[in-house]
């Protein structure tokens, strides 16, 4: 099936593309919607501008739209607009997204797709958190934490690359503090630097951490594709 992939640059949207391609789907384009702020309940926020590097490295064209409001219904209208654009320009037959457990998101995406005669595809839906996190590492996904907003996750996680040791620690912390190990509830957000989909890894050249004592974000200030890797 020809799919447009809702894409934030994080582990879930990127791994969904990886799985969908293994299942025989054709990813015609990636769809990135910039929310008005990090208060959005439907869309991801940090470091979206650098998804252009990921698009280039995957050799998948990108469509971008901006939402002028964090109101969910307005964001859904923007989603409809970008899906119609993807239908017209790339002939997509469905929407691929990285939803895991959010029934709110899944319902919004499915309802929107139904109105546009598109299929909604979610290969990560209800996947086991620990198995999924370990599958990411086993599949050679290299990703960093770009925001944290949960008790048990402090500023030391910002910019950290997640590997087997970090997953063991996160498992312990999630059991102690009650957050989702796969960050499905928005406890943290991620950015993929390299994976089997990429022709070249992304090299971060400049970054800055912001921490207010509870929430924090890792902002990429400068980055490029590392053609020499």
N, C-alpha and C. Protein backbone atom coordinates (compact mmCIF):
# COMPACT_ATOMS: atom_id res chain seq x y z
N UNK A 1 0.84 -1.20 0.00
CA UNK A 1 0.00 0.00 0.00
C UNK A 1 0.87 1.25 0.00
N UNK A 2 0.44 2.25 -0.73
CA UNK A 2 1.16 3.52 -0.77
C UNK A 2 0.76 4.36 0.44
N UNK A 3 1.75 4.71 1.27
CA UNK A 3 1.45 5.38 2.53
C UNK A 3 2.14 6.73 2.66
N UNK A 4 1.47 7.63 3.37
CA UNK A 4 2.10 8.84 3.86
C UNK A 4 2.33 8.63 5.35
N UNK A 5 3.53 8.90 5.82
CA UNK A 5 3.88 8.63 7.22
C UNK A 5 3.89 9.92 8.03
N UNK A 6 3.05 9.98 9.07
CA UNK A 6 3.09 11.11 9.99
C UNK A 6 4.42 11.04 10.73
N UNK A 7 5.19 12.12 10.66
CA UNK A 7 6.60 12.01 11.06
C UNK A 7 7.04 13.17 11.95
N UNK A 8 7.61 12.80 13.13
CA UNK A 8 8.11 13.80 14.06
C UNK A 8 9.62 13.73 14.23
N UNK A 9 10.24 12.70 13.65
CA UNK A 9 11.68 12.52 13.81
C UNK A 9 12.06 11.65 14.98
N UNK A 10 11.08 11.24 15.79
CA UNK A 10 11.35 10.41 16.96
C UNK A 10 11.35 8.93 16.64
N UNK A 11 11.61 8.13 17.66
CA UNK A 11 11.74 6.69 17.49
C UNK A 11 10.46 6.04 16.96
N UNK A 12 9.29 6.45 17.45
CA UNK A 12 8.05 5.77 17.07
C UNK A 12 7.70 5.97 15.60
N UNK A 13 7.74 7.20 15.14
CA UNK A 13 7.38 7.45 13.74
C UNK A 13 8.42 6.86 12.79
N UNK A 14 9.69 6.89 13.19
CA UNK A 14 10.74 6.34 12.33
C UNK A 14 10.69 4.81 12.30
N UNK A 15 10.49 4.19 13.46
CA UNK A 15 10.44 2.73 13.50
C UNK A 15 9.19 2.20 12.80
N UNK A 16 8.11 2.98 12.81
CA UNK A 16 6.91 2.59 12.09
C UNK A 16 7.18 2.50 10.59
N UNK A 17 7.97 3.45 10.08
CA UNK A 17 8.36 3.39 8.67
C UNK A 17 9.18 2.14 8.40
N UNK A 18 10.10 1.85 9.29
CA UNK A 18 10.96 0.67 9.18
C UNK A 18 10.12 -0.60 9.12
N UNK A 19 9.16 -0.73 10.03
CA UNK A 19 8.30 -1.92 10.06
C UNK A 19 7.39 -2.00 8.84
N UNK A 20 6.81 -0.85 8.46
CA UNK A 20 5.89 -0.82 7.32
C UNK A 20 6.59 -1.24 6.03
N UNK A 21 7.82 -0.80 5.85
CA UNK A 21 8.59 -1.18 4.66
C UNK A 21 8.89 -2.68 4.68
N UNK A 22 9.18 -3.21 5.86
CA UNK A 22 9.42 -4.65 5.97
C UNK A 22 8.15 -5.44 5.65
N UNK A 23 7.00 -4.84 5.91
CA UNK A 23 5.71 -5.49 5.65
C UNK A 23 5.29 -5.35 4.18
N UNK A 24 6.10 -4.62 3.39
CA UNK A 24 5.83 -4.50 1.96
C UNK A 24 5.13 -3.22 1.54
N UNK A 25 4.88 -2.31 2.48
CA UNK A 25 4.26 -1.03 2.12
C UNK A 25 5.29 -0.11 1.46
N UNK A 26 4.80 0.83 0.68
CA UNK A 26 5.64 1.82 0.02
C UNK A 26 5.40 3.18 0.67
N UNK A 27 6.45 3.75 1.24
CA UNK A 27 6.33 5.06 1.89
C UNK A 27 6.58 6.14 0.85
N UNK A 28 5.51 6.79 0.42
CA UNK A 28 5.62 7.77 -0.66
C UNK A 28 6.10 9.13 -0.18
N UNK A 29 5.78 9.46 1.08
CA UNK A 29 6.17 10.77 1.63
C UNK A 29 6.05 10.73 3.15
N UNK A 30 6.75 11.64 3.80
CA UNK A 30 6.56 11.83 5.23
C UNK A 30 5.84 13.15 5.45
N UNK A 31 4.99 13.18 6.46
CA UNK A 31 4.11 14.32 6.73
C UNK A 31 4.45 14.90 8.09
N UNK A 32 4.88 16.13 8.12
CA UNK A 32 5.27 16.77 9.38
C UNK A 32 4.41 18.00 9.61
N UNK A 33 3.73 18.01 10.73
CA UNK A 33 2.89 19.16 11.11
C UNK A 33 3.50 19.82 12.33
N UNK A 34 3.82 21.09 12.21
CA UNK A 34 4.37 21.85 13.33
C UNK A 34 3.21 22.33 14.21
N UNK A 35 3.14 21.87 15.47
CA UNK A 35 2.11 22.41 16.37
C UNK A 35 2.47 23.84 16.77
N UNK A 36 1.49 24.54 17.31
CA UNK A 36 1.76 25.92 17.74
C UNK A 36 2.74 25.94 18.91
N UNK A 37 2.62 24.96 19.82
CA UNK A 37 3.49 24.92 21.00
C UNK A 37 3.60 23.50 21.51
N UNK A 38 4.34 23.33 22.61
CA UNK A 38 4.50 21.99 23.19
C UNK A 38 3.29 21.58 24.03
N UNK A 39 2.23 22.39 24.00
CA UNK A 39 1.01 22.04 24.72
C UNK A 39 0.07 21.15 23.88
N UNK A 40 0.46 20.86 22.64
CA UNK A 40 -0.37 20.04 21.78
C UNK A 40 -0.55 18.64 22.34
N UNK A 41 -1.79 18.11 22.26
CA UNK A 41 -2.07 16.75 22.71
C UNK A 41 -1.99 15.75 21.56
N UNK A 42 -1.87 16.24 20.33
CA UNK A 42 -1.91 15.37 19.16
C UNK A 42 -0.57 15.27 18.45
N UNK A 43 0.25 16.31 18.55
CA UNK A 43 1.47 16.40 17.76
C UNK A 43 2.70 16.60 18.63
N UNK A 44 3.87 16.20 18.08
CA UNK A 44 5.13 16.39 18.78
C UNK A 44 5.74 17.75 18.41
N UNK A 45 6.62 18.24 19.30
CA UNK A 45 7.09 19.62 19.14
C UNK A 45 8.61 19.80 18.98
N UNK A 46 9.46 19.22 19.86
CA UNK A 46 10.87 19.60 19.85
C UNK A 46 11.61 19.21 18.56
N UNK A 47 12.46 20.10 18.08
CA UNK A 47 13.44 19.82 17.03
C UNK A 47 12.85 19.37 15.69
N UNK A 48 11.63 19.80 15.40
CA UNK A 48 11.00 19.36 14.15
C UNK A 48 11.74 19.85 12.91
N UNK A 49 12.43 20.99 13.01
CA UNK A 49 13.08 21.54 11.83
C UNK A 49 14.15 20.60 11.27
N UNK A 50 14.68 19.73 12.15
CA UNK A 50 15.75 18.83 11.72
C UNK A 50 15.23 17.56 11.07
N UNK A 51 13.91 17.41 11.00
CA UNK A 51 13.35 16.27 10.28
C UNK A 51 13.68 16.35 8.79
N UNK A 52 14.02 17.54 8.32
CA UNK A 52 14.41 17.68 6.91
C UNK A 52 15.67 16.88 6.61
N UNK A 53 16.58 16.78 7.59
CA UNK A 53 17.79 15.97 7.41
C UNK A 53 17.43 14.49 7.35
N UNK A 54 16.49 14.08 8.19
CA UNK A 54 16.07 12.68 8.18
C UNK A 54 15.38 12.34 6.86
N UNK A 55 14.55 13.24 6.38
CA UNK A 55 13.89 13.06 5.09
C UNK A 55 14.92 12.85 3.98
N UNK A 56 15.94 13.68 3.99
CA UNK A 56 16.99 13.59 2.97
C UNK A 56 17.76 12.29 3.09
N UNK A 57 18.08 11.88 4.31
CA UNK A 57 18.84 10.67 4.54
C UNK A 57 18.06 9.42 4.16
N UNK A 58 16.72 9.46 4.35
CA UNK A 58 15.87 8.33 3.96
C UNK A 58 15.47 8.36 2.50
N UNK A 59 15.76 9.50 1.84
CA UNK A 59 15.36 9.70 0.44
C UNK A 59 13.84 9.56 0.28
N UNK A 60 13.11 10.14 1.23
CA UNK A 60 11.64 10.17 1.18
C UNK A 60 11.23 11.64 1.23
N UNK A 61 10.47 12.11 0.24
CA UNK A 61 10.07 13.52 0.24
C UNK A 61 9.19 13.87 1.43
N UNK A 62 9.26 15.12 1.84
CA UNK A 62 8.55 15.59 3.04
C UNK A 62 7.57 16.70 2.70
N UNK A 63 6.36 16.59 3.24
CA UNK A 63 5.38 17.66 3.19
C UNK A 63 5.28 18.27 4.58
N UNK A 64 5.23 19.60 4.67
CA UNK A 64 5.21 20.30 5.95
C UNK A 64 4.06 21.30 5.97
N UNK A 65 3.31 21.30 7.08
CA UNK A 65 2.31 22.33 7.32
C UNK A 65 2.43 22.80 8.76
N UNK A 66 1.89 23.98 9.04
CA UNK A 66 1.95 24.57 10.38
C UNK A 66 0.54 24.74 10.94
N UNK A 67 0.37 24.40 12.20
CA UNK A 67 -0.91 24.63 12.87
C UNK A 67 -0.84 25.95 13.63
N UNK A 68 -1.90 26.75 13.51
CA UNK A 68 -1.92 28.05 14.18
C UNK A 68 -2.53 27.97 15.58
N UNK A 69 -2.92 26.76 15.98
CA UNK A 69 -3.56 26.60 17.29
C UNK A 69 -3.25 25.22 17.85
N UNK A 70 -3.24 25.10 19.20
CA UNK A 70 -3.09 23.80 19.86
C UNK A 70 -4.43 23.10 20.02
N UNK A 71 -5.52 23.76 19.60
CA UNK A 71 -6.83 23.13 19.66
C UNK A 71 -6.83 21.88 18.77
N UNK A 72 -7.25 20.76 19.34
CA UNK A 72 -7.17 19.49 18.62
C UNK A 72 -7.94 19.50 17.31
N UNK A 73 -9.11 20.10 17.30
CA UNK A 73 -9.92 20.10 16.09
C UNK A 73 -9.26 20.91 14.97
N UNK A 74 -8.57 21.96 15.33
CA UNK A 74 -7.84 22.74 14.32
C UNK A 74 -6.65 21.94 13.80
N UNK A 75 -5.98 21.23 14.70
CA UNK A 75 -4.87 20.37 14.28
C UNK A 75 -5.37 19.26 13.35
N UNK A 76 -6.54 18.72 13.63
CA UNK A 76 -7.12 17.69 12.76
C UNK A 76 -7.42 18.26 11.38
N UNK A 77 -7.88 19.51 11.33
CA UNK A 77 -8.15 20.14 10.03
C UNK A 77 -6.86 20.30 9.23
N UNK A 78 -5.75 20.58 9.93
CA UNK A 78 -4.45 20.69 9.26
C UNK A 78 -4.01 19.31 8.77
N UNK A 79 -4.28 18.28 9.58
CA UNK A 79 -3.98 16.91 9.18
C UNK A 79 -4.74 16.54 7.91
N UNK A 80 -6.01 16.90 7.84
CA UNK A 80 -6.82 16.64 6.64
C UNK A 80 -6.19 17.32 5.42
N UNK A 81 -5.76 18.55 5.63
CA UNK A 81 -5.18 19.33 4.53
C UNK A 81 -3.91 18.67 4.00
N UNK A 82 -3.04 18.22 4.92
CA UNK A 82 -1.77 17.63 4.47
C UNK A 82 -2.00 16.25 3.85
N UNK A 83 -3.02 15.52 4.34
CA UNK A 83 -3.35 14.22 3.75
C UNK A 83 -3.92 14.39 2.34
N UNK A 84 -4.75 15.39 2.15
CA UNK A 84 -5.28 15.65 0.81
C UNK A 84 -4.16 16.04 -0.16
N UNK A 85 -3.22 16.82 0.36
CA UNK A 85 -2.06 17.22 -0.46
C UNK A 85 -1.23 15.98 -0.85
N UNK A 86 -1.06 15.06 0.12
CA UNK A 86 -0.30 13.83 -0.14
C UNK A 86 -1.04 12.93 -1.12
N UNK A 87 -2.37 12.92 -1.05
CA UNK A 87 -3.16 12.14 -2.01
C UNK A 87 -2.98 12.69 -3.42
N UNK A 88 -3.04 14.00 -3.54
CA UNK A 88 -2.93 14.65 -4.84
C UNK A 88 -1.53 14.50 -5.44
N UNK A 89 -0.50 14.68 -4.60
CA UNK A 89 0.87 14.72 -5.12
C UNK A 89 1.54 13.35 -5.19
N UNK A 90 1.16 12.45 -4.26
CA UNK A 90 1.87 11.16 -4.19
C UNK A 90 0.95 9.95 -4.28
N UNK A 91 -0.35 10.16 -4.40
CA UNK A 91 -1.27 9.05 -4.57
C UNK A 91 -1.35 8.10 -3.39
N UNK A 92 -1.21 8.63 -2.17
CA UNK A 92 -1.22 7.75 -1.01
C UNK A 92 -2.61 7.11 -0.82
N UNK A 93 -2.58 5.91 -0.24
CA UNK A 93 -3.79 5.15 0.04
C UNK A 93 -4.05 5.00 1.54
N UNK A 94 -3.06 5.43 2.34
CA UNK A 94 -3.22 5.30 3.78
C UNK A 94 -2.27 6.18 4.55
N UNK A 95 -2.57 6.32 5.84
CA UNK A 95 -1.72 7.09 6.77
C UNK A 95 -1.02 6.13 7.72
N UNK A 96 0.28 6.25 7.81
CA UNK A 96 1.09 5.48 8.75
C UNK A 96 1.41 6.36 9.95
N UNK A 97 1.19 5.86 11.16
CA UNK A 97 1.56 6.64 12.34
C UNK A 97 2.15 5.74 13.42
N UNK A 98 2.84 6.35 14.38
CA UNK A 98 3.58 5.61 15.38
C UNK A 98 2.85 5.44 16.70
N UNK A 99 1.52 5.50 16.69
CA UNK A 99 0.76 5.35 17.92
C UNK A 99 0.96 3.97 18.54
N UNK A 100 1.04 3.95 19.87
CA UNK A 100 1.25 2.69 20.59
C UNK A 100 0.07 2.35 21.49
N UNK A 101 -0.40 3.35 22.24
CA UNK A 101 -1.46 3.04 23.20
C UNK A 101 -2.49 4.16 23.36
N UNK A 102 -2.26 5.30 22.75
CA UNK A 102 -3.16 6.43 22.91
C UNK A 102 -4.42 6.23 22.07
N UNK A 103 -5.52 5.86 22.72
CA UNK A 103 -6.78 5.68 22.00
C UNK A 103 -7.30 7.01 21.46
N UNK A 104 -6.97 8.08 22.16
CA UNK A 104 -7.36 9.43 21.72
C UNK A 104 -6.77 9.72 20.35
N UNK A 105 -5.43 9.54 20.21
CA UNK A 105 -4.77 9.79 18.94
C UNK A 105 -5.28 8.84 17.86
N UNK A 106 -5.35 7.57 18.20
CA UNK A 106 -5.76 6.55 17.22
C UNK A 106 -7.15 6.85 16.67
N UNK A 107 -8.08 7.24 17.56
CA UNK A 107 -9.43 7.55 17.14
C UNK A 107 -9.45 8.76 16.20
N UNK A 108 -8.67 9.79 16.54
CA UNK A 108 -8.62 10.99 15.69
C UNK A 108 -8.07 10.66 14.31
N UNK A 109 -7.01 9.86 14.28
CA UNK A 109 -6.39 9.51 13.00
C UNK A 109 -7.33 8.63 12.16
N UNK A 110 -7.96 7.65 12.80
CA UNK A 110 -8.85 6.74 12.07
C UNK A 110 -10.07 7.48 11.52
N UNK A 111 -10.64 8.36 12.34
CA UNK A 111 -11.81 9.13 11.91
C UNK A 111 -11.47 10.03 10.73
N UNK A 112 -10.30 10.66 10.80
CA UNK A 112 -9.86 11.54 9.71
C UNK A 112 -9.64 10.74 8.43
N UNK A 113 -8.98 9.59 8.57
CA UNK A 113 -8.71 8.75 7.41
C UNK A 113 -10.01 8.24 6.77
N UNK A 114 -10.96 7.89 7.62
CA UNK A 114 -12.24 7.38 7.12
C UNK A 114 -12.93 8.40 6.23
N UNK A 115 -12.86 9.67 6.64
CA UNK A 115 -13.49 10.74 5.87
C UNK A 115 -12.81 10.94 4.51
N UNK A 116 -11.53 10.58 4.44
CA UNK A 116 -10.76 10.81 3.22
C UNK A 116 -10.56 9.52 2.41
N UNK A 117 -11.26 8.45 2.84
CA UNK A 117 -11.14 7.15 2.17
C UNK A 117 -9.69 6.64 2.18
N UNK A 118 -9.05 6.78 3.34
CA UNK A 118 -7.68 6.29 3.53
C UNK A 118 -7.67 5.24 4.64
N UNK A 119 -6.69 4.35 4.59
CA UNK A 119 -6.50 3.38 5.67
C UNK A 119 -5.59 3.99 6.72
N UNK A 120 -5.81 3.64 7.98
CA UNK A 120 -4.94 4.07 9.07
C UNK A 120 -4.11 2.87 9.51
N UNK A 121 -2.77 3.01 9.42
CA UNK A 121 -1.86 1.91 9.70
C UNK A 121 -1.00 2.27 10.92
N UNK A 122 -1.02 1.39 11.94
CA UNK A 122 -0.26 1.64 13.17
C UNK A 122 0.46 0.36 13.59
N UNK A 123 1.64 0.08 13.02
CA UNK A 123 2.33 -1.18 13.26
C UNK A 123 2.83 -1.37 14.70
N UNK A 124 2.90 -0.29 15.47
CA UNK A 124 3.39 -0.39 16.85
C UNK A 124 2.25 -0.52 17.87
N UNK A 125 1.01 -0.52 17.40
CA UNK A 125 -0.13 -0.48 18.30
C UNK A 125 -0.10 -1.63 19.31
N UNK A 126 -0.16 -1.26 20.61
CA UNK A 126 -0.20 -2.18 21.74
C UNK A 126 1.01 -3.11 21.79
N UNK A 127 2.15 -2.65 21.28
CA UNK A 127 3.38 -3.43 21.40
C UNK A 127 3.87 -3.40 22.85
N UNK A 128 4.52 -4.48 23.27
CA UNK A 128 5.05 -4.57 24.63
C UNK A 128 6.19 -3.55 24.79
N UNK A 129 6.12 -2.68 25.81
CA UNK A 129 7.09 -1.60 25.93
C UNK A 129 8.54 -2.07 26.00
N UNK A 130 8.83 -3.05 26.84
CA UNK A 130 10.22 -3.47 26.99
C UNK A 130 10.74 -4.15 25.72
N UNK A 131 9.89 -5.01 25.13
CA UNK A 131 10.30 -5.68 23.89
C UNK A 131 10.54 -4.64 22.79
N UNK A 132 9.65 -3.67 22.70
CA UNK A 132 9.79 -2.63 21.68
C UNK A 132 11.09 -1.85 21.85
N UNK A 133 11.39 -1.43 23.06
CA UNK A 133 12.62 -0.66 23.29
C UNK A 133 13.85 -1.50 22.95
N UNK A 134 13.83 -2.76 23.31
CA UNK A 134 14.96 -3.63 22.98
C UNK A 134 15.04 -3.92 21.48
N UNK A 135 13.88 -4.01 20.82
CA UNK A 135 13.87 -4.20 19.37
C UNK A 135 14.50 -3.02 18.64
N UNK A 136 14.29 -1.82 19.17
CA UNK A 136 14.90 -0.63 18.58
C UNK A 136 16.43 -0.76 18.57
N UNK A 137 16.98 -1.18 19.70
CA UNK A 137 18.44 -1.32 19.81
C UNK A 137 18.92 -2.45 18.91
N UNK A 138 18.19 -3.57 18.93
CA UNK A 138 18.57 -4.72 18.11
C UNK A 138 18.51 -4.40 16.62
N UNK A 139 17.65 -3.45 16.24
CA UNK A 139 17.51 -3.06 14.84
C UNK A 139 18.45 -1.92 14.45
N UNK A 140 19.40 -1.61 15.35
CA UNK A 140 20.42 -0.59 15.09
C UNK A 140 19.85 0.82 14.95
N UNK A 141 18.86 1.14 15.78
CA UNK A 141 18.35 2.50 15.86
C UNK A 141 19.17 3.26 16.91
N UNK A 142 19.71 4.38 16.50
CA UNK A 142 20.45 5.25 17.43
C UNK A 142 19.62 6.50 17.62
N UNK A 143 19.17 6.72 18.87
CA UNK A 143 18.30 7.86 19.13
C UNK A 143 18.61 8.48 20.48
N UNK A 144 18.28 9.76 20.61
CA UNK A 144 18.56 10.50 21.83
C UNK A 144 17.25 11.02 22.44
N UNK A 145 17.32 11.35 23.71
CA UNK A 145 16.18 11.96 24.41
C UNK A 145 16.23 13.47 24.18
N UNK A 146 15.11 14.02 23.73
CA UNK A 146 15.07 15.46 23.44
C UNK A 146 14.17 16.25 24.39
N UNK A 147 13.37 15.55 25.19
CA UNK A 147 12.60 16.24 26.22
C UNK A 147 12.21 15.26 27.30
N UNK A 148 12.07 15.74 28.52
CA UNK A 148 11.58 14.93 29.64
C UNK A 148 10.56 15.75 30.42
N UNK A 149 9.52 15.07 30.89
CA UNK A 149 8.49 15.77 31.66
C UNK A 149 7.78 14.80 32.59
N UNK A 150 8.57 14.05 33.34
CA UNK A 150 8.00 13.07 34.25
C UNK A 150 8.87 12.92 35.48
N UNK A 151 8.24 12.68 36.61
CA UNK A 151 8.99 12.37 37.82
C UNK A 151 9.81 11.12 37.57
N UNK A 152 11.08 11.16 37.97
CA UNK A 152 11.97 10.04 37.75
C UNK A 152 12.91 10.25 36.57
N UNK A 153 12.60 11.24 35.75
CA UNK A 153 13.47 11.58 34.61
C UNK A 153 13.99 13.00 34.81
N UNK A 154 15.27 13.12 35.10
CA UNK A 154 15.84 14.44 35.38
C UNK A 154 16.62 14.95 34.17
N UNK A 155 17.28 16.08 34.36
CA UNK A 155 17.98 16.73 33.26
C UNK A 155 19.15 15.95 32.69
N UNK A 156 19.63 14.96 33.42
CA UNK A 156 20.76 14.17 32.93
C UNK A 156 20.40 13.33 31.71
N UNK A 157 19.08 13.13 31.48
CA UNK A 157 18.65 12.35 30.32
C UNK A 157 18.64 13.16 29.03
N UNK A 158 18.66 14.46 29.14
CA UNK A 158 18.57 15.31 27.95
C UNK A 158 19.80 15.13 27.05
N UNK A 159 19.55 14.75 25.81
CA UNK A 159 20.64 14.53 24.86
C UNK A 159 21.29 13.17 24.97
N UNK A 160 20.82 12.34 25.89
CA UNK A 160 21.43 11.03 26.11
C UNK A 160 21.03 10.04 25.03
N UNK A 161 22.01 9.29 24.53
CA UNK A 161 21.74 8.21 23.59
C UNK A 161 21.24 7.00 24.35
N UNK A 162 20.17 6.37 23.86
CA UNK A 162 19.57 5.24 24.56
C UNK A 162 20.12 3.92 24.01
N UNK A 163 20.74 3.14 24.91
CA UNK A 163 21.24 1.82 24.57
C UNK A 163 20.73 0.80 25.56
N UNK A 164 21.32 -0.38 25.58
CA UNK A 164 20.85 -1.46 26.45
C UNK A 164 20.92 -1.07 27.93
N UNK A 165 22.01 -0.44 28.35
CA UNK A 165 22.16 -0.05 29.76
C UNK A 165 21.11 0.97 30.16
N UNK A 166 20.84 1.94 29.26
CA UNK A 166 19.84 2.97 29.55
C UNK A 166 18.43 2.35 29.64
N UNK A 167 18.16 1.35 28.81
CA UNK A 167 16.85 0.71 28.86
C UNK A 167 16.67 -0.04 30.18
N UNK A 168 17.73 -0.67 30.67
CA UNK A 168 17.65 -1.34 31.98
C UNK A 168 17.35 -0.33 33.08
N UNK A 169 18.03 0.82 33.03
CA UNK A 169 17.80 1.85 34.05
C UNK A 169 16.40 2.44 33.91
N UNK A 170 15.97 2.70 32.69
CA UNK A 170 14.63 3.23 32.46
C UNK A 170 13.55 2.25 32.93
N UNK A 171 13.79 0.97 32.75
CA UNK A 171 12.84 -0.05 33.21
C UNK A 171 12.67 0.04 34.71
N UNK A 172 13.78 0.16 35.43
CA UNK A 172 13.75 0.28 36.89
C UNK A 172 13.04 1.56 37.32
N UNK A 173 13.37 2.67 36.65
CA UNK A 173 12.75 3.96 36.99
C UNK A 173 11.26 3.96 36.68
N UNK A 174 10.87 3.34 35.57
CA UNK A 174 9.45 3.32 35.20
C UNK A 174 8.64 2.51 36.20
N UNK A 175 9.23 1.45 36.72
CA UNK A 175 8.55 0.65 37.73
C UNK A 175 8.42 1.41 39.05
N UNK A 176 9.43 2.20 39.36
CA UNK A 176 9.44 2.97 40.61
C UNK A 176 8.51 4.18 40.55
N UNK A 177 8.54 4.91 39.43
CA UNK A 177 7.80 6.18 39.33
C UNK A 177 6.51 6.08 38.52
N UNK A 178 6.30 4.96 37.85
CA UNK A 178 5.02 4.74 37.17
C UNK A 178 4.86 5.38 35.81
N UNK A 179 5.96 5.77 35.15
CA UNK A 179 5.81 6.31 33.80
C UNK A 179 5.94 5.17 32.77
N UNK A 180 5.51 5.46 31.55
CA UNK A 180 5.58 4.46 30.48
C UNK A 180 7.02 4.31 30.00
N UNK A 181 7.48 3.07 29.95
CA UNK A 181 8.86 2.80 29.54
C UNK A 181 9.13 3.29 28.12
N UNK A 182 8.12 3.20 27.24
CA UNK A 182 8.31 3.62 25.85
C UNK A 182 7.95 5.10 25.63
N UNK A 183 7.67 5.82 26.72
CA UNK A 183 7.35 7.26 26.69
C UNK A 183 6.04 7.56 25.97
N UNK A 184 5.17 6.56 25.84
CA UNK A 184 3.91 6.72 25.10
C UNK A 184 3.06 7.85 25.67
N UNK A 185 3.16 8.10 26.97
CA UNK A 185 2.34 9.14 27.58
C UNK A 185 2.93 10.53 27.50
N UNK A 186 4.00 10.68 26.72
CA UNK A 186 4.64 11.99 26.57
C UNK A 186 5.65 12.29 27.66
N UNK A 187 6.04 11.26 28.43
CA UNK A 187 7.02 11.46 29.51
C UNK A 187 8.36 11.95 28.98
N UNK A 188 8.66 11.57 27.75
CA UNK A 188 9.89 12.02 27.10
C UNK A 188 9.67 11.94 25.59
N UNK A 189 10.50 12.68 24.86
CA UNK A 189 10.47 12.60 23.40
C UNK A 189 11.88 12.33 22.90
N UNK A 190 11.97 11.83 21.67
CA UNK A 190 13.26 11.36 21.16
C UNK A 190 13.50 11.88 19.75
N UNK A 191 14.74 11.71 19.31
CA UNK A 191 15.12 12.08 17.94
C UNK A 191 16.09 11.02 17.43
N UNK A 192 15.82 10.50 16.23
CA UNK A 192 16.64 9.43 15.65
C UNK A 192 17.81 10.03 14.88
N UNK A 193 19.03 9.60 15.25
CA UNK A 193 20.24 10.07 14.58
C UNK A 193 20.69 9.14 13.47
N UNK A 194 20.37 7.86 13.62
CA UNK A 194 20.77 6.90 12.61
C UNK A 194 19.92 5.64 12.74
N UNK A 195 19.74 4.94 11.63
CA UNK A 195 19.00 3.68 11.60
C UNK A 195 19.17 3.07 10.23
N UNK A 196 18.70 1.84 10.02
CA UNK A 196 18.89 1.20 8.71
C UNK A 196 18.21 1.93 7.55
N UNK A 197 17.27 2.82 7.83
CA UNK A 197 16.60 3.59 6.78
C UNK A 197 17.47 4.72 6.24
N UNK A 198 18.46 5.13 7.02
CA UNK A 198 19.26 6.31 6.68
C UNK A 198 20.44 5.96 5.78
N UNK A 199 20.68 6.80 4.79
CA UNK A 199 21.89 6.67 3.97
C UNK A 199 23.10 7.21 4.73
N UNK A 200 22.86 8.26 5.53
CA UNK A 200 23.91 8.89 6.32
C UNK A 200 23.37 9.23 7.70
N UNK A 201 24.20 9.10 8.75
CA UNK A 201 23.76 9.49 10.08
C UNK A 201 23.73 11.01 10.23
N UNK A 202 23.03 11.46 11.25
CA UNK A 202 22.97 12.89 11.56
C UNK A 202 23.97 13.21 12.65
N UNK A 203 24.74 14.24 12.43
CA UNK A 203 25.72 14.69 13.41
C UNK A 203 25.25 16.01 14.01
N UNK A 204 25.08 16.04 15.32
CA UNK A 204 24.71 17.28 16.01
C UNK A 204 25.96 18.08 16.29
N UNK A 205 26.01 19.32 15.84
CA UNK A 205 27.20 20.15 16.00
C UNK A 205 27.06 21.16 17.12
N UNK A 206 25.84 21.50 17.46
CA UNK A 206 25.63 22.46 18.54
C UNK A 206 24.27 22.20 19.17
N UNK A 207 24.21 22.26 20.49
CA UNK A 207 22.93 22.00 21.17
C UNK A 207 22.89 22.78 22.49
N UNK A 208 21.69 22.83 23.07
CA UNK A 208 21.52 23.53 24.34
C UNK A 208 20.45 22.83 25.16
N UNK A 209 20.71 22.68 26.46
CA UNK A 209 19.75 22.09 27.37
C UNK A 209 18.96 23.16 28.13
N UNK A 210 17.67 22.91 28.28
CA UNK A 210 16.82 23.77 29.10
C UNK A 210 16.18 22.90 30.18
N UNK A 211 16.28 23.33 31.44
CA UNK A 211 15.77 22.54 32.56
C UNK A 211 15.16 23.48 33.60
N UNK A 212 13.90 23.22 33.99
CA UNK A 212 13.25 24.10 34.96
C UNK A 212 13.07 23.46 36.33
N UNK A 213 13.70 22.31 36.52
CA UNK A 213 13.58 21.62 37.80
C UNK A 213 12.62 20.45 37.75
N UNK A 214 11.78 20.42 36.72
CA UNK A 214 10.86 19.29 36.53
C UNK A 214 10.82 18.85 35.07
N UNK A 215 10.67 19.84 34.17
CA UNK A 215 10.65 19.53 32.74
C UNK A 215 11.89 20.11 32.07
N UNK A 216 12.26 19.47 30.97
CA UNK A 216 13.40 20.00 30.24
C UNK A 216 13.39 19.58 28.79
N UNK A 217 14.18 20.28 27.98
CA UNK A 217 14.29 19.90 26.57
C UNK A 217 15.72 20.07 26.09
N UNK A 218 16.08 19.27 25.14
CA UNK A 218 17.37 19.31 24.46
C UNK A 218 17.13 19.92 23.09
N UNK A 219 17.64 21.10 22.87
CA UNK A 219 17.41 21.79 21.60
C UNK A 219 18.63 21.67 20.70
N UNK A 220 18.40 21.13 19.50
CA UNK A 220 19.47 21.04 18.52
C UNK A 220 19.61 22.40 17.84
N UNK A 221 20.78 22.99 17.96
CA UNK A 221 21.02 24.32 17.39
C UNK A 221 21.64 24.24 15.99
N UNK A 222 22.45 23.21 15.76
CA UNK A 222 23.08 23.02 14.45
C UNK A 222 23.32 21.53 14.25
N UNK A 223 23.04 21.05 13.04
CA UNK A 223 23.23 19.64 12.72
C UNK A 223 23.42 19.48 11.22
N UNK A 224 23.97 18.35 10.83
CA UNK A 224 24.20 18.07 9.40
C UNK A 224 24.24 16.57 9.19
N UNK A 225 24.12 16.16 7.94
CA UNK A 225 24.34 14.76 7.59
C UNK A 225 25.84 14.50 7.55
N UNK A 226 26.23 13.40 8.16
CA UNK A 226 27.66 13.05 8.22
C UNK A 226 28.00 12.14 7.04
N UNK A 227 28.42 12.75 5.94
CA UNK A 227 28.69 11.99 4.72
C UNK A 227 29.96 11.15 4.84
N UNK A 228 30.78 11.42 5.85
CA UNK A 228 32.04 10.70 6.00
C UNK A 228 31.95 9.51 6.96
N UNK A 229 30.75 9.30 7.53
CA UNK A 229 30.62 8.21 8.50
C UNK A 229 30.68 6.84 7.82
